[in-house]
Amino acid sequence: MITKQEMINQLKLEFPTLRVGNDDDGYVNLNIEEYEATIAQWADAKLERLAREAEAQARAEAKAALLIQLGITEEQAKLLLS
């Protein structure tokens, strides 16, 4: 699993600067504190999403392994549980 610092480094490479604003009023680059805080928030969110995806994948693999061990299909398991 990737560390938070590795994720921050990756995001900084992808987004070397961040701007706020709109086309009508114009854009302003975030100052260093705002930039660092935003990148850290993005890293946290991305790591949480990756963890949820890994957990879901692990559950799916465990379920598939159990079905194989029992020698039944998913549809058969659903019938047993209904």
Protein backbone atom coordinates (compact mmCIF):
# COMPACT_ATOMS: atom_id res chain seq x y z
CA MET A 1 0.00 0.00 0.00
CA ILE A 2 1.18 3.49 -0.80
CA THR A 3 2.01 5.81 2.10
CA LYS A 4 0.46 9.22 2.59
CA GLN A 5 3.76 10.92 1.83
CA GLU A 6 4.11 8.95 -1.40
CA MET A 7 0.57 9.94 -2.36
CA ILE A 8 1.34 13.60 -1.56
CA ASN A 9 4.47 13.44 -3.71
CA GLN A 10 2.50 11.89 -6.55
CA LEU A 11 -0.21 14.57 -6.32
CA LYS A 12 2.38 17.34 -6.23
CA LEU A 13 3.89 16.00 -9.44
CA GLU A 14 0.47 15.86 -11.05
CA PHE A 15 -0.62 19.26 -9.69
CA PRO A 16 2.44 21.49 -9.20
CA THR A 17 0.17 24.50 -8.64
CA LEU A 18 -3.47 24.91 -7.68
CA ARG A 19 -5.70 27.84 -8.55
CA VAL A 20 -9.07 29.04 -7.33
CA GLY A 21 -11.47 31.33 -9.10
CA ASN A 22 -13.57 31.38 -12.21
CA ASP A 23 -13.49 32.61 -15.80
CA ASP A 24 -15.39 35.81 -14.99
CA ASP A 25 -13.35 36.96 -11.99
CA GLY A 26 -10.06 35.34 -12.87
CA TYR A 27 -7.91 32.81 -11.05
CA VAL A 28 -5.45 33.08 -8.18
CA ASN A 29 -2.81 30.51 -7.23
CA LEU A 30 -3.15 29.09 -3.74
CA ASN A 31 -0.48 30.18 -1.30
CA ILE A 32 1.88 27.50 0.00
CA GLU A 33 -0.13 26.80 3.18
CA GLU A 34 -3.40 26.42 1.26
CA TYR A 35 -1.66 24.33 -1.38
CA GLU A 36 -0.12 21.97 1.20
CA ALA A 37 -3.44 21.63 3.07
CA THR A 38 -5.39 20.90 -0.11
CA ILE A 39 -2.87 18.33 -1.33
CA ALA A 40 -2.95 16.63 2.10
CA GLN A 41 -6.76 16.51 2.01
CA TRP A 42 -6.69 15.04 -1.49
CA ALA A 43 -4.13 12.45 -0.39
CA ASP A 44 -6.29 11.44 2.58
CA ALA A 45 -9.38 11.12 0.37
CA LYS A 46 -7.54 9.12 -2.27
CA LEU A 47 -6.00 6.78 0.31
CA GLU A 48 -9.41 6.22 1.93
CA ARG A 49 -10.90 5.38 -1.47
CA LEU A 50 -8.05 2.97 -2.24
CA ALA A 51 -8.50 1.29 1.15
CA ARG A 52 -12.24 0.86 0.56
CA GLU A 53 -11.57 -0.60 -2.89
CA ALA A 54 -8.95 -3.01 -1.49
CA GLU A 55 -11.35 -4.10 1.26
CA ALA A 56 -14.14 -4.72 -1.25
CA GLN A 57 -11.75 -6.72 -3.44
CA ALA A 58 -10.61 -8.80 -0.47
CA ARG A 59 -14.24 -9.54 0.48
CA ALA A 60 -15.04 -10.57 -3.10
CA GLU A 61 -12.01 -12.87 -3.23
CA ALA A 62 -12.90 -14.43 0.13
CA LYS A 63 -16.46 -15.00 -1.03
CA ALA A 64 -15.27 -16.60 -4.28
CA ALA A 65 -12.86 -18.84 -2.37
CA LEU A 66 -15.62 -19.95 0.00
CA LEU A 67 -17.96 -20.74 -2.88
CA ILE A 68 -15.23 -22.82 -4.51
CA GLN A 69 -14.58 -24.60 -1.23
CA LEU A 70 -18.30 -25.36 -0.88
CA GLY A 71 -18.51 -26.39 -4.52
CA ILE A 72 -21.46 -24.14 -5.33
CA THR A 73 -22.09 -21.16 -7.55
CA GLU A 74 -23.10 -17.72 -6.38
CA GLU A 75 -26.59 -18.29 -7.74
CA GLN A 76 -26.88 -21.51 -5.72
CA ALA A 77 -25.73 -19.71 -2.59
CA LYS A 78 -28.37 -17.04 -3.14
CA LEU A 79 -31.03 -19.74 -3.45
CA LEU A 80 -29.89 -21.30 -0.18
CA LEU A 81 -30.10 -17.97 1.61
CA SER A 82 -33.52 -16.96 0.27
